[in-house]
Every structure is written in C-alpha cells, then in structure tokens.
C-alpha atoms as a PDB file:
ATOM      1  CA  MET A   1      32.178 168.679 120.101  1.00  0.00           C
ATOM      2  CA  SER A   2      33.927 171.930 118.188  1.00  0.00           C
ATOM      3  CA  ASP A   3      36.695 171.667 116.089  1.00  0.00           C
ATOM      4  CA  SER A   4      38.409 173.761 118.969  1.00  0.00           C
ATOM      5  CA  ASP A   5      38.079 171.132 121.137  1.00  0.00           C
ATOM      6  CA  ARG A   6      39.186 168.424 118.815  1.00  0.00           C
ATOM      7  CA  SER A   7      42.564 170.624 118.363  1.00  0.00           C
ATOM      8  CA  GLN A   8      43.464 171.007 121.677  1.00  0.00           C
ATOM      9  CA  ARG A   9      42.358 167.124 122.263  1.00  0.00           C
ATOM     10  CA  VAL A  10      45.276 166.126 119.560  1.00  0.00           C
ATOM     11  CA  ASP A  11      47.092 168.513 120.741  1.00  0.00           C
ATOM     12  CA  ALA A  12      47.336 167.085 124.442  1.00  0.00           C
ATOM     13  CA  LEU A  13      48.332 163.852 122.881  1.00  0.00           C
ATOM     14  CA  LEU A  14      51.106 164.703 120.852  1.00  0.00           C
ATOM     15  CA  ASN A  15      52.205 166.833 124.071  1.00  0.00           C
ATOM     16  CA  GLY A  16      52.108 163.741 125.885  1.00  0.00           C
ATOM     17  CA  LEU A  17      54.808 161.912 123.043  1.00  0.00           C
ATOM     18  CA  PRO A  18      58.315 161.474 123.645  1.00  0.00           C
ATOM     19  CA  GLU A  19      60.558 163.286 120.997  1.00  0.00           C
ATOM     20  CA  VAL A  20      62.083 160.695 118.541  1.00  0.00           C
ATOM     21  CA  LEU A  21      65.849 161.273 118.433  1.00  0.00           C
ATOM     22  CA  PRO A  22      67.427 161.139 114.834  1.00  0.00           C
ATOM     23  CA  PRO A  23      68.675 157.955 113.201  1.00  0.00           C
ATOM     24  CA  PRO A  24      72.228 157.318 115.004  1.00  0.00           C
ATOM     25  CA  HIS A  25      74.003 157.802 111.757  1.00  0.00           C
ATOM     26  CA  VAL A  26      72.349 161.528 111.285  1.00  0.00           C
ATOM     27  CA  ARG A  27      73.788 161.702 114.998  1.00  0.00           C
ATOM     28  CA  ALA A  28      77.020 161.932 113.954  1.00  0.00           C
ATOM     29  CA  LYS A  29      76.695 163.816 110.978  1.00  0.00           C
ATOM     30  CA  LEU A  30      75.446 167.079 112.961  1.00  0.00           C
ATOM     31  CA  ARG A  31      77.883 166.656 115.444  1.00  0.00           C
ATOM     32  CA  LEU A  32      81.049 166.422 112.760  1.00  0.00           C
ATOM     33  CA  ALA A  33      78.780 168.913 110.115  1.00  0.00           C
ATOM     34  CA  ALA A  34      79.437 171.438 113.804  1.00  0.00           C
ATOM     35  CA  GLY A  35      83.059 170.488 113.803  1.00  0.00           C
ATOM     36  CA  LEU A  36      82.414 168.464 117.087  1.00  0.00           C
ATOM     37  CA  THR A  37      84.109 165.935 118.473  1.00  0.00           C
ATOM     38  CA  GLN A  38      82.221 163.077 120.671  1.00  0.00           C
ATOM     39  CA  GLN A  39      84.624 163.941 123.423  1.00  0.00           C
ATOM     40  CA  ASP A  40      82.605 167.954 123.263  1.00  0.00           C
ATOM     41  CA  VAL A  41      79.417 166.424 122.857  1.00  0.00           C
ATOM     42  CA  ALA A  42      79.876 164.035 125.922  1.00  0.00           C
ATOM     43  CA  ASP A  43      81.118 167.218 128.267  1.00  0.00           C
ATOM     44  CA  ALA A  44      78.165 169.139 127.010  1.00  0.00           C
ATOM     45  CA  VAL A  45      75.506 166.756 128.034  1.00  0.00           C
ATOM     46  CA  GLY A  46      77.782 165.547 130.839  1.00  0.00           C
ATOM     47  CA  VAL A  47      78.757 161.521 129.887  1.00  0.00           C
ATOM     48  CA  LYS A  48      81.453 159.871 128.879  1.00  0.00           C
ATOM     49  CA  ARG A  49      82.763 159.748 125.524  1.00  0.00           C
ATOM     50  CA  VAL A  50      82.174 156.410 125.347  1.00  0.00           C
ATOM     51  CA  ALA A  51      78.522 156.633 125.745  1.00  0.00           C
ATOM     52  CA  VAL A  52      78.214 159.682 122.396  1.00  0.00           C
ATOM     53  CA  THR A  53      79.859 156.472 120.456  1.00  0.00           C
ATOM     54  CA  ARG A  54      77.544 154.081 121.196  1.00  0.00           C
ATOM     55  CA  TRP A  55      74.465 156.713 120.519  1.00  0.00           C
ATOM     56  CA  GLU A  56      75.969 157.397 117.484  1.00  0.00           C
ATOM     57  CA  LEU A  57      76.290 153.421 116.941  1.00  0.00           C
ATOM     58  CA  GLY A  58      73.094 152.961 117.854  1.00  0.00           C
ATOM     59  CA  GLN A  59      74.416 150.591 120.224  1.00  0.00           C
ATOM     60  CA  THR A  60      72.672 152.417 123.025  1.00  0.00           C
ATOM     61  CA  SER A  61      69.943 155.316 123.890  1.00  0.00           C
ATOM     62  CA  PRO A  62      70.123 158.201 126.095  1.00  0.00           C
ATOM     63  CA  ARG A  63      68.370 157.963 128.941  1.00  0.00           C
ATOM     64  CA  ARG A  64      66.892 161.238 131.502  1.00  0.00           C
ATOM     65  CA  PRO A  65      67.937 163.509 132.287  1.00  0.00           C
ATOM     66  CA  HIS A  66      70.922 163.462 129.170  1.00  0.00           C
ATOM     67  CA  ARG A  67      68.205 162.174 126.545  1.00  0.00           C
ATOM     68  CA  GLU A  68      66.572 165.725 127.076  1.00  0.00           C
ATOM     69  CA  ASN A  69      70.292 167.401 126.786  1.00  0.00           C
ATOM     70  CA  TYR A  70      71.184 165.238 124.128  1.00  0.00           C
ATOM     71  CA  LEU A  71      67.709 165.864 121.998  1.00  0.00           C
ATOM     72  CA  ARG A  72      67.885 169.514 122.446  1.00  0.00           C
ATOM     73  CA  LEU A  73      71.926 170.378 121.133  1.00  0.00           C
ATOM     74  CA  LEU A  74      71.320 167.986 118.319  1.00  0.00           C
ATOM     75  CA  LYS A  75      67.664 170.166 116.966  1.00  0.00           C
ATOM     76  CA  GLY A  76      70.320 172.980 117.616  1.00  0.00           C
ATOM     77  CA  LEU A  77      72.633 171.265 115.289  1.00  0.00           C
ATOM     78  CA  ALA A  78      69.903 170.229 113.149  1.00  0.00           C
ATOM     79  CA  ALA A  79      68.614 173.782 112.754  1.00  0.00           C
ATOM     80  CA  ARG A  80      72.042 174.809 111.975  1.00  0.00           C
ATOM     81  CA  PHE A  81      72.661 172.886 109.474  1.00  0.00           C
ATOM     82  CA  PRO A  82      69.756 171.119 107.929  1.00  0.00           C
ATOM     83  CA  ALA A  83      71.697 169.115 105.268  1.00  0.00           C
ATOM     84  CA  ALA A  84      73.016 167.111 107.594  1.00  0.00           C
ATOM     85  CA  ALA A  85      69.728 166.497 109.617  1.00  0.00           C
ATOM     86  CA  GLU A  86      68.409 164.284 106.838  1.00  0.00           C
ATOM     87  CA  ALA A  87      68.980 160.892 106.776  1.00  0.00           C
ATOM     88  CA  ASP A  88      70.618 159.285 104.299  1.00  0.00           C
ATOM     89  CA  ASP A  89      68.847 157.032 100.853  1.00  0.00           C
ATOM     90  CA  GLY A  90      69.898 153.754 101.702  1.00  0.00           C
ATOM     91  CA  MET A  91      71.616 154.736 104.939  1.00  0.00           C
ATOM     92  CA  PRO A  92      70.657 152.262 107.452  1.00  0.00           C
ATOM     93  CA  THR A  93      68.589 152.751 110.314  1.00  0.00           C
ATOM     94  CA  PRO A  94      68.007 150.636 113.512  1.00  0.00           C
ATOM     95  CA  ALA A  95      64.210 150.099 111.977  1.00  0.00           C
ATOM     96  CA  SER A  96      65.636 148.954 108.630  1.00  0.00           C
ATOM     97  CA  GLU A  97      68.881 146.504 110.059  1.00  0.00           C
ATOM     98  CA  SER A  98      65.970 144.900 112.068  1.00  0.00           C
ATOM     99  CA  ARG A  99      64.043 144.081 109.688  1.00  0.00           C
ATOM    100  CA  ARG A 100      66.851 142.754 107.187  1.00  0.00           C
ATOM    101  CA  SER A 101      67.508 140.509 110.116  1.00  0.00           C
ATOM    102  CA  GLY A 102      64.412 139.208 110.813  1.00  0.00           C
END
C-alpha cells in the first residue's frame, strides 16, 4: 500500500469522527469574549436560553441540529478570540471532575 493510500485511509477515519466541543467553561469564555449573552447564542442556535446555560455548565450537551450550529459558532468565536479558546490550567473539566469523584 502506498503512502498516499494510507494518508487517504487516515483522512477517512478522521472525517468520520464527530467534532469535539470545547470544555463547558471555555464555551462561556468564548461567548463572554464576544460580548454575547446566553440569549444571543440561544436565539442564533435556535434553542432556549436555559439550554445554553446547561451547555456552559456541562450539565447537558447540544444535539443535532443545534450541535452543528453551536459548534460552528464556537469555532468562529475561537478564531476571533484565541486567548479565550484556551483551557485554563487548573480549571475543572468534565473528565477531571469524574476522575475526582471516582
């Protein structure tokens, strides 16, 4: 198998994986960096404000079709506000929270 074939196989695997949302606290940082309210985000994505609150607290995750729109918004905000897109050292993430409680 050629390197080109292997590269295409790797690309196919990567393209089949769902994109990962940033950690909940980073979602809030991105929104705040842009000066947006949770209601602004909710209106743009097509959900109620309480859904955005829950996404930013890590209580729930967005589902289709809202997930794709929310992810697109977060990617755009991350491109405009790269410092806000970085996870803070020491800030809890869902993975670190579950390790602590388990």
